[in-house]
Amino acid sequence: MPLTFRKSFRILPGVRLNINKRSWSVTTGGRNGPRHTYSSTGRRTTSVDLPGPFGWRRTRSARRR
């Protein structure tokens, strides 16, 4: 089984800095309401947890030139 590295730091209330082996990202938002994630690779994700086993996620990736 390969080893992985992932660390998450809370830098402000509602703001997290997530670091892994290849990139980093900043997540804003809390448990209630939408969460927005901005990655160093250009990926932007918006996600919302809905009641029950439901959830919604939209991901956009930056176009590389």
N, C-alpha and C. Protein backbone atom coordinates (compact mmCIF):
# COMPACT_ATOMS: atom_id res chain seq x y z
N MET A 1 0.85 -1.16 0.00
CA MET A 1 0.00 0.00 0.00
C MET A 1 0.90 1.24 0.00
N PRO A 2 0.69 2.19 -0.95
CA PRO A 2 1.54 3.37 -1.01
C PRO A 2 1.24 4.34 0.13
N LEU A 3 2.25 5.06 0.53
CA LEU A 3 2.08 6.08 1.55
C LEU A 3 1.64 7.38 0.90
N THR A 4 0.75 8.10 1.56
CA THR A 4 0.30 9.39 1.06
C THR A 4 0.55 10.46 2.10
N PHE A 5 0.63 11.70 1.63
CA PHE A 5 0.82 12.83 2.52
C PHE A 5 -0.29 13.83 2.28
N ARG A 6 -0.98 14.22 3.34
CA ARG A 6 -2.01 15.25 3.26
C ARG A 6 -2.11 15.90 4.62
N LYS A 7 -2.10 17.23 4.63
CA LYS A 7 -2.19 17.97 5.88
C LYS A 7 -3.13 19.14 5.67
N SER A 8 -3.95 19.43 6.66
CA SER A 8 -4.91 20.52 6.59
C SER A 8 -4.72 21.42 7.80
N PHE A 9 -4.62 22.73 7.56
CA PHE A 9 -4.45 23.71 8.62
C PHE A 9 -5.60 24.69 8.59
N ARG A 10 -6.14 25.00 9.76
CA ARG A 10 -7.17 26.03 9.85
C ARG A 10 -6.45 27.36 10.08
N ILE A 11 -6.53 28.27 9.09
CA ILE A 11 -5.80 29.53 9.22
C ILE A 11 -6.68 30.67 9.71
N LEU A 12 -7.97 30.61 9.46
CA LEU A 12 -8.97 31.54 9.97
C LEU A 12 -10.27 30.77 10.14
N PRO A 13 -11.22 31.29 10.91
CA PRO A 13 -12.51 30.60 10.98
C PRO A 13 -13.15 30.52 9.59
N GLY A 14 -13.44 29.34 9.13
CA GLY A 14 -14.04 29.14 7.83
C GLY A 14 -13.05 29.07 6.68
N VAL A 15 -11.74 29.10 6.96
CA VAL A 15 -10.72 29.05 5.91
C VAL A 15 -9.69 27.98 6.27
N ARG A 16 -9.45 27.06 5.33
CA ARG A 16 -8.48 25.99 5.55
C ARG A 16 -7.44 25.99 4.44
N LEU A 17 -6.21 25.68 4.81
CA LEU A 17 -5.12 25.47 3.86
C LEU A 17 -4.84 23.99 3.84
N ASN A 18 -4.96 23.36 2.67
CA ASN A 18 -4.77 21.93 2.51
C ASN A 18 -3.51 21.70 1.69
N ILE A 19 -2.62 20.86 2.18
CA ILE A 19 -1.36 20.60 1.49
C ILE A 19 -1.23 19.10 1.28
N ASN A 20 -0.83 18.71 0.04
CA ASN A 20 -0.50 17.32 -0.21
C ASN A 20 0.82 17.26 -0.96
N LYS A 21 1.20 16.12 -1.41
CA LYS A 21 2.51 15.93 -2.02
C LYS A 21 2.73 16.76 -3.28
N ARG A 22 1.69 16.96 -4.07
CA ARG A 22 1.85 17.62 -5.37
C ARG A 22 1.29 19.03 -5.46
N SER A 23 0.40 19.44 -4.57
CA SER A 23 -0.23 20.75 -4.70
C SER A 23 -0.74 21.22 -3.34
N TRP A 24 -1.32 22.41 -3.35
CA TRP A 24 -1.95 22.96 -2.17
C TRP A 24 -3.27 23.59 -2.60
N SER A 25 -4.18 23.80 -1.64
CA SER A 25 -5.45 24.43 -1.96
C SER A 25 -5.96 25.19 -0.74
N VAL A 26 -6.86 26.12 -1.00
CA VAL A 26 -7.51 26.90 0.04
C VAL A 26 -9.00 26.65 -0.06
N THR A 27 -9.62 26.29 1.07
CA THR A 27 -11.05 26.03 1.12
C THR A 27 -11.70 27.07 2.01
N THR A 28 -12.76 27.70 1.50
CA THR A 28 -13.52 28.67 2.30
C THR A 28 -14.93 28.15 2.48
N GLY A 29 -15.55 28.52 3.58
CA GLY A 29 -16.91 28.07 3.88
C GLY A 29 -16.90 27.09 5.02
N GLY A 30 -18.06 26.88 5.59
CA GLY A 30 -18.15 25.99 6.73
C GLY A 30 -19.02 24.79 6.45
N ARG A 31 -19.54 24.22 7.51
CA ARG A 31 -20.40 23.04 7.35
C ARG A 31 -21.74 23.40 6.74
N ASN A 32 -22.26 24.55 7.11
CA ASN A 32 -23.55 24.98 6.58
C ASN A 32 -23.31 25.92 5.41
N GLY A 33 -23.89 25.61 4.28
CA GLY A 33 -23.73 26.45 3.11
C GLY A 33 -22.67 25.91 2.17
N PRO A 34 -22.40 26.63 1.10
CA PRO A 34 -21.45 26.13 0.10
C PRO A 34 -20.00 26.27 0.55
N ARG A 35 -19.15 25.38 0.02
CA ARG A 35 -17.71 25.44 0.23
C ARG A 35 -17.06 25.67 -1.12
N HIS A 36 -16.08 26.55 -1.16
CA HIS A 36 -15.35 26.85 -2.39
C HIS A 36 -13.89 26.46 -2.17
N THR A 37 -13.35 25.70 -3.10
CA THR A 37 -11.96 25.26 -3.02
C THR A 37 -11.21 25.77 -4.25
N TYR A 38 -10.05 26.38 -4.01
CA TYR A 38 -9.19 26.91 -5.06
C TYR A 38 -7.84 26.20 -4.94
N SER A 39 -7.43 25.48 -5.98
CA SER A 39 -6.22 24.67 -5.95
C SER A 39 -5.09 25.36 -6.71
N SER A 40 -3.86 25.02 -6.34
CA SER A 40 -2.69 25.57 -7.03
C SER A 40 -2.58 25.02 -8.45
N THR A 41 -3.28 23.96 -8.77
CA THR A 41 -3.26 23.39 -10.12
C THR A 41 -4.29 24.05 -11.03
N GLY A 42 -5.08 24.99 -10.51
CA GLY A 42 -6.08 25.68 -11.31
C GLY A 42 -7.49 25.15 -11.16
N ARG A 43 -7.67 24.11 -10.40
CA ARG A 43 -9.00 23.52 -10.22
C ARG A 43 -9.79 24.36 -9.21
N ARG A 44 -11.06 24.63 -9.54
CA ARG A 44 -11.96 25.32 -8.63
C ARG A 44 -13.17 24.42 -8.40
N THR A 45 -13.52 24.19 -7.15
CA THR A 45 -14.62 23.30 -6.83
C THR A 45 -15.58 24.01 -5.88
N THR A 46 -16.87 23.90 -6.17
CA THR A 46 -17.93 24.38 -5.29
C THR A 46 -18.75 23.17 -4.89
N SER A 47 -18.97 22.99 -3.58
CA SER A 47 -19.74 21.84 -3.13
C SER A 47 -20.69 22.26 -2.01
N VAL A 48 -21.82 21.57 -1.96
CA VAL A 48 -22.85 21.81 -0.96
C VAL A 48 -23.34 20.47 -0.45
N ASP A 49 -23.43 20.31 0.86
CA ASP A 49 -24.02 19.12 1.44
C ASP A 49 -25.51 19.37 1.64
N LEU A 50 -26.32 18.50 1.09
CA LEU A 50 -27.76 18.59 1.23
C LEU A 50 -28.23 17.58 2.26
N PRO A 51 -29.41 17.77 2.84
CA PRO A 51 -29.89 16.82 3.86
C PRO A 51 -29.98 15.40 3.32
N GLY A 52 -29.66 14.46 4.19
CA GLY A 52 -29.71 13.06 3.80
C GLY A 52 -28.45 12.65 3.06
N PRO A 53 -28.55 11.64 2.23
CA PRO A 53 -27.36 11.15 1.53
C PRO A 53 -27.08 11.91 0.23
N PHE A 54 -27.50 13.16 0.17
CA PHE A 54 -27.37 13.92 -1.06
C PHE A 54 -26.26 14.96 -0.93
N GLY A 55 -25.70 15.33 -2.04
CA GLY A 55 -24.69 16.37 -2.09
C GLY A 55 -24.60 16.88 -3.51
N TRP A 56 -24.00 18.03 -3.68
CA TRP A 56 -23.85 18.61 -5.00
C TRP A 56 -22.44 19.13 -5.13
N ARG A 57 -21.81 18.92 -6.28
CA ARG A 57 -20.45 19.36 -6.50
C ARG A 57 -20.29 19.81 -7.94
N ARG A 58 -19.59 20.92 -8.12
CA ARG A 58 -19.27 21.40 -9.46
C ARG A 58 -17.78 21.72 -9.49
N THR A 59 -17.08 21.19 -10.48
CA THR A 59 -15.64 21.37 -10.59
C THR A 59 -15.31 22.01 -11.93
N ARG A 60 -14.47 23.01 -11.87
CA ARG A 60 -13.96 23.64 -13.09
C ARG A 60 -12.44 23.61 -13.05
N SER A 61 -11.84 23.25 -14.16
CA SER A 61 -10.39 23.22 -14.26
C SER A 61 -9.94 24.34 -15.19
N ALA A 62 -8.80 24.94 -14.86
CA ALA A 62 -8.24 25.99 -15.70
C ALA A 62 -7.71 25.38 -16.98
N ARG A 63 -7.84 26.10 -18.05
CA ARG A 63 -7.31 25.62 -19.33
C ARG A 63 -5.82 25.95 -19.40
N ARG A 64 -5.04 24.97 -19.73
CA ARG A 64 -3.60 25.14 -19.86
C ARG A 64 -3.28 25.59 -21.28
N ARG A 65 -2.34 26.51 -21.41
CA ARG A 65 -1.92 26.97 -22.73
C ARG A 65 -0.59 26.41 -23.08
